[in-house]
């Protein structure tokens, strides 16, 4: 997979891209990441990438001509045509909330592009003509999309073949089947009087599977009733 990240502060991505799951994917040649500094790609002679909003208001807005020029320079096609060939993900609090289903979709693509906003926001024409998807990490605001890109990319690359050593861990983790994962325990079996459930110690795999399923359902119903309801409707 190839991932292009268009951003304002590339240095924010240095550590996430070099370590952990993303670093492993790159070492295995399962992932190639290209980070594009919008300042360097700006057509402005002073490398300016933003301006004050029309109509007034606080903050600065990322310019559409800067983003369009950057995409055309990198992909060598008109900016609005890039999304015809690959997913262009714009990170914004107004976007669809990122989830495991979206991660699986992105993991199935050969090339993806992330556009990281910053400042007050982006020119609306970027949403309308360049981005193909708008994605949010949740109902909160962070200063820029770089960290969001790292989070999404890690969720995506761990689904690529060979990146996670034990494939079974991908099958049984939270959200894979619309449920939260069951509780996990390891040694010691008893600590300060806090005991591991007896069913996990008996070695009866059929009983363990039933217990895990019941715990997943109970935990999802209690902690994420929205997920539980959605699953019942599917």
C-alpha atoms as a PDB file:
ATOM      1  CA  UNK A   1       0.000   0.000   0.000  1.00  0.00           C
ATOM      2  CA  UNK A   2       1.036   3.595  -0.642  1.00  0.00           C
ATOM      3  CA  UNK A   3      -0.129   6.394   1.653  1.00  0.00           C
ATOM      4  CA  UNK A   4       0.249  10.064   0.766  1.00  0.00           C
ATOM      5  CA  UNK A   5      -0.127  12.500   3.661  1.00  0.00           C
ATOM      6  CA  UNK A   6      -0.579  16.189   2.795  1.00  0.00           C
ATOM      7  CA  UNK A   7      -0.059  18.293   5.893  1.00  0.00           C
ATOM      8  CA  UNK A   8       1.104  21.541   7.450  1.00  0.00           C
ATOM      9  CA  UNK A   9       3.425  20.170  10.157  1.00  0.00           C
ATOM     10  CA  UNK A  10       5.261  17.064   8.884  1.00  0.00           C
ATOM     11  CA  UNK A  11       7.451  16.916  11.994  1.00  0.00           C
ATOM     12  CA  UNK A  12       4.404  15.854  14.045  1.00  0.00           C
ATOM     13  CA  UNK A  13       4.396  12.602  12.082  1.00  0.00           C
ATOM     14  CA  UNK A  14       8.064  11.698  12.507  1.00  0.00           C
ATOM     15  CA  UNK A  15       7.737   9.364  15.485  1.00  0.00           C
ATOM     16  CA  UNK A  16       4.388   7.706  14.610  1.00  0.00           C
ATOM     17  CA  UNK A  17       5.601   6.829  11.121  1.00  0.00           C
ATOM     18  CA  UNK A  18       8.926   5.387  12.250  1.00  0.00           C
ATOM     19  CA  UNK A  19       7.867   3.257  15.223  1.00  0.00           C
ATOM     20  CA  UNK A  20       5.190   0.815  16.293  1.00  0.00           C
ATOM     21  CA  UNK A  21       2.844  -0.858  13.837  1.00  0.00           C
ATOM     22  CA  UNK A  22       3.386   1.705  11.069  1.00  0.00           C
ATOM     23  CA  UNK A  23       7.149   1.393  11.368  1.00  0.00           C
ATOM     24  CA  UNK A  24       6.827  -2.390  11.222  1.00  0.00           C
ATOM     25  CA  UNK A  25       4.653  -2.212   8.102  1.00  0.00           C
ATOM     26  CA  UNK A  26       7.235  -0.017   6.417  1.00  0.00           C
ATOM     27  CA  UNK A  27      10.066  -2.361   7.374  1.00  0.00           C
ATOM     28  CA  UNK A  28       8.115  -5.252   5.858  1.00  0.00           C
ATOM     29  CA  UNK A  29       7.530  -3.222   2.668  1.00  0.00           C
ATOM     30  CA  UNK A  30       3.799  -3.594   3.219  1.00  0.00           C
ATOM     31  CA  UNK A  31       3.516   0.188   3.373  1.00  0.00           C
ATOM     32  CA  UNK A  32       5.163   3.123   1.651  1.00  0.00           C
ATOM     33  CA  UNK A  33       4.455   6.556   3.129  1.00  0.00           C
ATOM     34  CA  UNK A  34       5.027   9.864   1.373  1.00  0.00           C
ATOM     35  CA  UNK A  35       4.625  12.983   3.523  1.00  0.00           C
ATOM     36  CA  UNK A  36       4.007  16.166   1.550  1.00  0.00           C
ATOM     37  CA  UNK A  37       4.574  19.559   3.171  1.00  0.00           C
ATOM     38  CA  UNK A  38       1.908  21.950   1.895  1.00  0.00           C
ATOM     39  CA  UNK A  39       4.240  24.891   2.503  1.00  0.00           C
ATOM     40  CA  UNK A  40       6.799  23.439   0.106  1.00  0.00           C
ATOM     41  CA  UNK A  41       4.137  22.704  -2.507  1.00  0.00           C
ATOM     42  CA  UNK A  42       2.420  26.084  -2.246  1.00  0.00           C
ATOM     43  CA  UNK A  43       2.286  28.111  -5.484  1.00  0.00           C
ATOM     44  CA  UNK A  44       2.634  31.261  -3.373  1.00  0.00           C
ATOM     45  CA  UNK A  45       6.085  32.894  -3.646  1.00  0.00           C
ATOM     46  CA  UNK A  46       6.211  33.161   0.163  1.00  0.00           C
ATOM     47  CA  UNK A  47       4.926  29.584   0.634  1.00  0.00           C
ATOM     48  CA  UNK A  48       1.745  30.914   2.211  1.00  0.00           C
ATOM     49  CA  UNK A  49      -0.958  28.270   2.548  1.00  0.00           C
ATOM     50  CA  UNK A  50      -3.812  30.016   4.381  1.00  0.00           C
ATOM     51  CA  UNK A  51      -5.719  33.281   4.526  1.00  0.00           C
ATOM     52  CA  UNK A  52      -8.404  35.034   6.556  1.00  0.00           C
ATOM     53  CA  UNK A  53     -11.991  33.931   5.893  1.00  0.00           C
ATOM     54  CA  UNK A  54     -14.256  35.870   3.564  1.00  0.00           C
ATOM     55  CA  UNK A  55     -16.978  37.572   5.564  1.00  0.00           C
ATOM     56  CA  UNK A  56     -14.720  37.942   8.587  1.00  0.00           C
ATOM     57  CA  UNK A  57     -14.262  35.796  11.639  1.00  0.00           C
ATOM     58  CA  UNK A  58     -11.431  34.342  13.724  1.00  0.00           C
ATOM     59  CA  UNK A  59      -8.617  32.111  12.543  1.00  0.00           C
ATOM     60  CA  UNK A  60      -7.161  31.272   9.166  1.00  0.00           C
ATOM     61  CA  UNK A  61      -8.502  29.021   6.405  1.00  0.00           C
ATOM     62  CA  UNK A  62      -6.481  26.569   4.290  1.00  0.00           C
ATOM     63  CA  UNK A  63      -6.556  27.776   0.688  1.00  0.00           C
ATOM     64  CA  UNK A  64      -8.088  25.698  -2.094  1.00  0.00           C
ATOM     65  CA  UNK A  65      -5.463  26.759  -4.668  1.00  0.00           C
ATOM     66  CA  UNK A  66      -2.678  25.511  -2.399  1.00  0.00           C
ATOM     67  CA  UNK A  67      -4.264  22.087  -1.938  1.00  0.00           C
ATOM     68  CA  UNK A  68      -5.158  21.782  -5.626  1.00  0.00           C
ATOM     69  CA  UNK A  69      -1.612  22.688  -6.680  1.00  0.00           C
ATOM     70  CA  UNK A  70      -0.137  20.162  -4.227  1.00  0.00           C
ATOM     71  CA  UNK A  71      -2.327  17.340  -5.526  1.00  0.00           C
ATOM     72  CA  UNK A  72      -1.609  18.195  -9.153  1.00  0.00           C
ATOM     73  CA  UNK A  73       2.112  18.335  -8.490  1.00  0.00           C
ATOM     74  CA  UNK A  74       2.172  14.924  -6.774  1.00  0.00           C
ATOM     75  CA  UNK A  75      -0.370  12.974  -8.826  1.00  0.00           C
ATOM     76  CA  UNK A  76       0.088  14.754 -12.183  1.00  0.00           C
ATOM     77  CA  UNK A  77      -3.645  14.999 -12.874  1.00  0.00           C
ATOM     78  CA  UNK A  78      -6.174  17.742 -12.224  1.00  0.00           C
ATOM     79  CA  UNK A  79      -6.887  17.950  -8.514  1.00  0.00           C
ATOM     80  CA  UNK A  80     -10.587  17.161  -8.795  1.00  0.00           C
ATOM     81  CA  UNK A  81      -9.798  13.956 -10.721  1.00  0.00           C
ATOM     82  CA  UNK A  82      -7.513  12.417  -8.077  1.00  0.00           C
ATOM     83  CA  UNK A  83     -10.489  10.976  -6.158  1.00  0.00           C
ATOM     84  CA  UNK A  84     -11.465   9.046  -9.287  1.00  0.00           C
ATOM     85  CA  UNK A  85      -8.340   6.922  -8.816  1.00  0.00           C
ATOM     86  CA  UNK A  86      -7.923   6.656  -5.020  1.00  0.00           C
ATOM     87  CA  UNK A  87      -9.645   7.617  -1.754  1.00  0.00           C
ATOM     88  CA  UNK A  88      -8.866  11.178  -0.679  1.00  0.00           C
ATOM     89  CA  UNK A  89      -9.568  11.478   3.052  1.00  0.00           C
ATOM     90  CA  UNK A  90     -10.003  14.907   4.592  1.00  0.00           C
ATOM     91  CA  UNK A  91      -9.779  15.019   8.387  1.00  0.00           C
ATOM     92  CA  UNK A  92     -12.400  17.317   9.882  1.00  0.00           C
ATOM     93  CA  UNK A  93     -14.629  17.355  12.998  1.00  0.00           C
ATOM     94  CA  UNK A  94     -17.574  17.521  10.583  1.00  0.00           C
ATOM     95  CA  UNK A  95     -16.724  14.190   8.958  1.00  0.00           C
ATOM     96  CA  UNK A  96     -18.080  10.683   9.410  1.00  0.00           C
ATOM     97  CA  UNK A  97     -16.756   9.062  12.574  1.00  0.00           C
ATOM     98  CA  UNK A  98     -13.926   6.655  11.812  1.00  0.00           C
ATOM     99  CA  UNK A  99     -14.603   2.994  12.561  1.00  0.00           C
ATOM    100  CA  UNK A 100     -13.308  -0.495  11.856  1.00  0.00           C
ATOM    101  CA  UNK A 101     -15.447  -0.868   8.740  1.00  0.00           C
ATOM    102  CA  UNK A 102     -13.786   2.225   7.284  1.00  0.00           C
ATOM    103  CA  UNK A 103     -10.364   0.877   8.260  1.00  0.00           C
ATOM    104  CA  UNK A 104     -11.070  -2.342   6.354  1.00  0.00           C
ATOM    105  CA  UNK A 105     -12.167  -0.382   3.297  1.00  0.00           C
ATOM    106  CA  UNK A 106      -9.003   1.734   3.286  1.00  0.00           C
ATOM    107  CA  UNK A 107      -6.853  -1.364   3.846  1.00  0.00           C
ATOM    108  CA  UNK A 108      -8.265  -2.814   0.622  1.00  0.00           C
ATOM    109  CA  UNK A 109      -6.934   0.115  -1.439  1.00  0.00           C
ATOM    110  CA  UNK A 110      -3.587   0.179  -3.219  1.00  0.00           C
ATOM    111  CA  UNK A 111      -3.097   3.908  -2.645  1.00  0.00           C
ATOM    112  CA  UNK A 112      -4.742   6.383  -0.280  1.00  0.00           C
ATOM    113  CA  UNK A 113      -4.311  10.103   0.322  1.00  0.00           C
ATOM    114  CA  UNK A 114      -4.830  11.917   3.616  1.00  0.00           C
ATOM    115  CA  UNK A 115      -5.379  15.674   3.719  1.00  0.00           C
ATOM    116  CA  UNK A 116      -4.698  17.169   7.142  1.00  0.00           C
ATOM    117  CA  UNK A 117      -6.411  20.430   7.903  1.00  0.00           C
ATOM    118  CA  UNK A 118      -5.187  22.919  10.479  1.00  0.00           C
ATOM    119  CA  UNK A 119      -6.051  26.400  11.668  1.00  0.00           C
ATOM    120  CA  UNK A 120      -9.739  27.405  11.570  1.00  0.00           C
ATOM    121  CA  UNK A 121     -10.607  24.981   8.792  1.00  0.00           C
ATOM    122  CA  UNK A 122     -10.393  24.436   5.056  1.00  0.00           C
ATOM    123  CA  UNK A 123     -11.934  26.267   2.126  1.00  0.00           C
ATOM    124  CA  UNK A 124     -15.289  24.599   1.418  1.00  0.00           C
ATOM    125  CA  UNK A 125     -14.259  24.006  -2.214  1.00  0.00           C
ATOM    126  CA  UNK A 126     -11.683  21.499  -0.966  1.00  0.00           C
ATOM    127  CA  UNK A 127     -14.533  19.433   0.510  1.00  0.00           C
ATOM    128  CA  UNK A 128     -16.682  19.818  -2.580  1.00  0.00           C
ATOM    129  CA  UNK A 129     -14.164  19.155  -5.332  1.00  0.00           C
ATOM    130  CA  UNK A 130     -11.030  17.427  -3.995  1.00  0.00           C
ATOM    131  CA  UNK A 131     -11.904  15.220  -0.992  1.00  0.00           C
ATOM    132  CA  UNK A 132     -13.833  12.010  -1.513  1.00  0.00           C
ATOM    133  CA  UNK A 133     -14.339  11.257   2.194  1.00  0.00           C
ATOM    134  CA  UNK A 134     -14.518  13.437   5.309  1.00  0.00           C
ATOM    135  CA  UNK A 135     -13.429  11.636   8.468  1.00  0.00           C
ATOM    136  CA  UNK A 136     -13.516  12.513  12.162  1.00  0.00           C
ATOM    137  CA  UNK A 137     -12.021  10.672  15.134  1.00  0.00           C
ATOM    138  CA  UNK A 138     -14.942  11.725  17.326  1.00  0.00           C
ATOM    139  CA  UNK A 139     -16.823  14.635  18.807  1.00  0.00           C
ATOM    140  CA  UNK A 140     -13.856  16.710  19.883  1.00  0.00           C
ATOM    141  CA  UNK A 141     -11.437  19.142  18.271  1.00  0.00           C
ATOM    142  CA  UNK A 142      -7.657  18.846  17.880  1.00  0.00           C
ATOM    143  CA  UNK A 143      -5.325  21.420  16.392  1.00  0.00           C
ATOM    144  CA  UNK A 144      -4.612  19.578  13.147  1.00  0.00           C
ATOM    145  CA  UNK A 145      -5.107  16.417  11.157  1.00  0.00           C
ATOM    146  CA  UNK A 146      -1.594  15.006  11.434  1.00  0.00           C
ATOM    147  CA  UNK A 147      -2.274  13.003  14.595  1.00  0.00           C
ATOM    148  CA  UNK A 148      -5.598  11.867  13.143  1.00  0.00           C
ATOM    149  CA  UNK A 149      -3.770  10.610  10.047  1.00  0.00           C
ATOM    150  CA  UNK A 150      -1.365   8.608  12.213  1.00  0.00           C
ATOM    151  CA  UNK A 151      -4.246   7.044  14.160  1.00  0.00           C
ATOM    152  CA  UNK A 152      -6.154   6.060  11.027  1.00  0.00           C
ATOM    153  CA  UNK A 153      -3.047   4.787   9.285  1.00  0.00           C
ATOM    154  CA  UNK A 154      -2.180   2.511  12.217  1.00  0.00           C
ATOM    155  CA  UNK A 155      -5.710   1.089  12.224  1.00  0.00           C
ATOM    156  CA  UNK A 156      -5.373   0.447   8.488  1.00  0.00           C
ATOM    157  CA  UNK A 157      -1.881  -1.041   8.258  1.00  0.00           C
ATOM    158  CA  UNK A 158      -2.464  -3.626  10.986  1.00  0.00           C
ATOM    159  CA  UNK A 159      -5.037  -5.140   8.614  1.00  0.00           C
ATOM    160  CA  UNK A 160      -2.503  -5.526   5.807  1.00  0.00           C
ATOM    161  CA  UNK A 161      -1.283  -9.104   5.210  1.00  0.00           C
ATOM    162  CA  UNK A 162       1.742 -10.053   7.308  1.00  0.00           C
ATOM    163  CA  UNK A 163       1.883  -6.918   9.465  1.00  0.00           C
ATOM    164  CA  UNK A 164       0.281  -8.510  12.538  1.00  0.00           C
ATOM    165  CA  UNK A 165       2.043 -11.761  13.369  1.00  0.00           C
ATOM    166  CA  UNK A 166      -0.947 -13.615  14.845  1.00  0.00           C
ATOM    167  CA  UNK A 167      -3.900 -13.386  12.434  1.00  0.00           C
ATOM    168  CA  UNK A 168      -6.304 -14.663  15.105  1.00  0.00           C
ATOM    169  CA  UNK A 169      -5.832 -11.466  17.100  1.00  0.00           C
ATOM    170  CA  UNK A 170      -7.446  -9.564  14.217  1.00  0.00           C
ATOM    171  CA  UNK A 171     -10.467 -11.860  14.272  1.00  0.00           C
ATOM    172  CA  UNK A 172     -11.228 -11.686  18.001  1.00  0.00           C
ATOM    173  CA  UNK A 173     -10.585  -8.025  18.777  1.00  0.00           C
ATOM    174  CA  UNK A 174     -13.173  -5.317  19.452  1.00  0.00           C
ATOM    175  CA  UNK A 175     -15.465  -4.153  16.626  1.00  0.00           C
ATOM    176  CA  UNK A 176     -14.563  -7.043  14.291  1.00  0.00           C
ATOM    177  CA  UNK A 177     -18.071  -8.504  14.583  1.00  0.00           C
ATOM    178  CA  UNK A 178     -19.781  -5.396  15.905  1.00  0.00           C
ATOM    179  CA  UNK A 179     -19.090  -6.216  19.555  1.00  0.00           C
ATOM    180  CA  UNK A 180     -16.582  -5.089  22.158  1.00  0.00           C
ATOM    181  CA  UNK A 181     -13.943  -7.660  23.037  1.00  0.00           C
ATOM    182  CA  UNK A 182     -14.415  -9.959  26.028  1.00  0.00           C
ATOM    183  CA  UNK A 183     -12.278  -9.448  29.200  1.00  0.00           C
ATOM    184  CA  UNK A 184      -8.713 -10.765  29.057  1.00  0.00           C
ATOM    185  CA  UNK A 185      -6.663 -12.218  31.931  1.00  0.00           C
ATOM    186  CA  UNK A 186      -3.175 -13.652  32.425  1.00  0.00           C
ATOM    187  CA  UNK A 187      -0.970 -14.867  35.316  1.00  0.00           C
ATOM    188  CA  UNK A 188      -1.143 -14.791  38.270  1.00  0.00           C
ATOM    189  CA  UNK A 189      -4.516 -16.513  38.675  1.00  0.00           C
ATOM    190  CA  UNK A 190      -5.012 -14.727  41.995  1.00  0.00           C
ATOM    191  CA  UNK A 191      -3.549 -11.367  43.075  1.00  0.00           C
ATOM    192  CA  UNK A 192      -4.534  -9.484  46.232  1.00  0.00           C
ATOM    193  CA  UNK A 193      -7.646 -11.643  46.266  1.00  0.00           C
ATOM    194  CA  UNK A 194      -8.574 -10.573  42.715  1.00  0.00           C
ATOM    195  CA  UNK A 195      -9.241 -13.849  40.922  1.00  0.00           C
ATOM    196  CA  UNK A 196      -9.425 -14.915  37.300  1.00  0.00           C
ATOM    197  CA  UNK A 197     -12.846 -16.395  36.394  1.00  0.00           C
ATOM    198  CA  UNK A 198     -12.801 -20.116  37.064  1.00  0.00           C
ATOM    199  CA  UNK A 199     -14.086 -20.984  33.586  1.00  0.00           C
ATOM    200  CA  UNK A 200     -10.815 -19.758  32.030  1.00  0.00           C
ATOM    201  CA  UNK A 201      -8.755 -22.076  34.216  1.00  0.00           C
ATOM    202  CA  UNK A 202     -10.563 -25.330  33.521  1.00  0.00           C
ATOM    203  CA  UNK A 203      -9.378 -25.759  29.938  1.00  0.00           C
ATOM    204  CA  UNK A 204     -12.810 -26.539  28.475  1.00  0.00           C
ATOM    205  CA  UNK A 205     -12.621 -24.643  25.184  1.00  0.00           C
ATOM    206  CA  UNK A 206     -16.347 -24.888  24.401  1.00  0.00           C
ATOM    207  CA  UNK A 207     -17.182 -23.366  27.791  1.00  0.00           C
ATOM    208  CA  UNK A 208     -14.554 -20.669  27.311  1.00  0.00           C
ATOM    209  CA  UNK A 209     -15.976 -19.714  23.907  1.00  0.00           C
ATOM    210  CA  UNK A 210     -19.498 -19.482  25.358  1.00  0.00           C
ATOM    211  CA  UNK A 211     -18.245 -17.362  28.272  1.00  0.00           C
ATOM    212  CA  UNK A 212     -16.348 -15.043  25.962  1.00  0.00           C
ATOM    213  CA  UNK A 213     -19.364 -14.599  23.703  1.00  0.00           C
ATOM    214  CA  UNK A 214     -21.634 -13.850  26.639  1.00  0.00           C
ATOM    215  CA  UNK A 215     -19.132 -11.362  28.073  1.00  0.00           C
ATOM    216  CA  UNK A 216     -18.768  -9.605  24.711  1.00  0.00           C
ATOM    217  CA  UNK A 217     -22.527  -9.239  24.423  1.00  0.00           C
ATOM    218  CA  UNK A 218     -22.874  -8.046  28.036  1.00  0.00           C
ATOM    219  CA  UNK A 219     -20.001  -5.572  27.763  1.00  0.00           C
ATOM    220  CA  UNK A 220     -21.292  -4.142  24.483  1.00  0.00           C
ATOM    221  CA  UNK A 221     -24.842  -3.803  25.857  1.00  0.00           C
ATOM    222  CA  UNK A 222     -23.557  -1.996  28.961  1.00  0.00           C
ATOM    223  CA  UNK A 223     -20.823   0.193  27.507  1.00  0.00           C
ATOM    224  CA  UNK A 224     -21.887   0.771  23.902  1.00  0.00           C
ATOM    225  CA  UNK A 225     -25.658   0.387  23.638  1.00  0.00           C
ATOM    226  CA  UNK A 226     -25.464   2.183  20.290  1.00  0.00           C
ATOM    227  CA  UNK A 227     -23.320  -0.641  18.880  1.00  0.00           C
ATOM    228  CA  UNK A 228     -25.558  -3.269  20.444  1.00  0.00           C
ATOM    229  CA  UNK A 229     -28.709  -1.723  18.981  1.00  0.00           C
ATOM    230  CA  UNK A 230     -27.129  -1.335  15.572  1.00  0.00           C
ATOM    231  CA  UNK A 231     -26.051  -4.968  15.620  1.00  0.00           C
ATOM    232  CA  UNK A 232     -29.567  -6.159  16.505  1.00  0.00           C
ATOM    233  CA  UNK A 233     -30.958  -4.185  13.569  1.00  0.00           C
ATOM    234  CA  UNK A 234     -28.497  -5.667  11.028  1.00  0.00           C
END
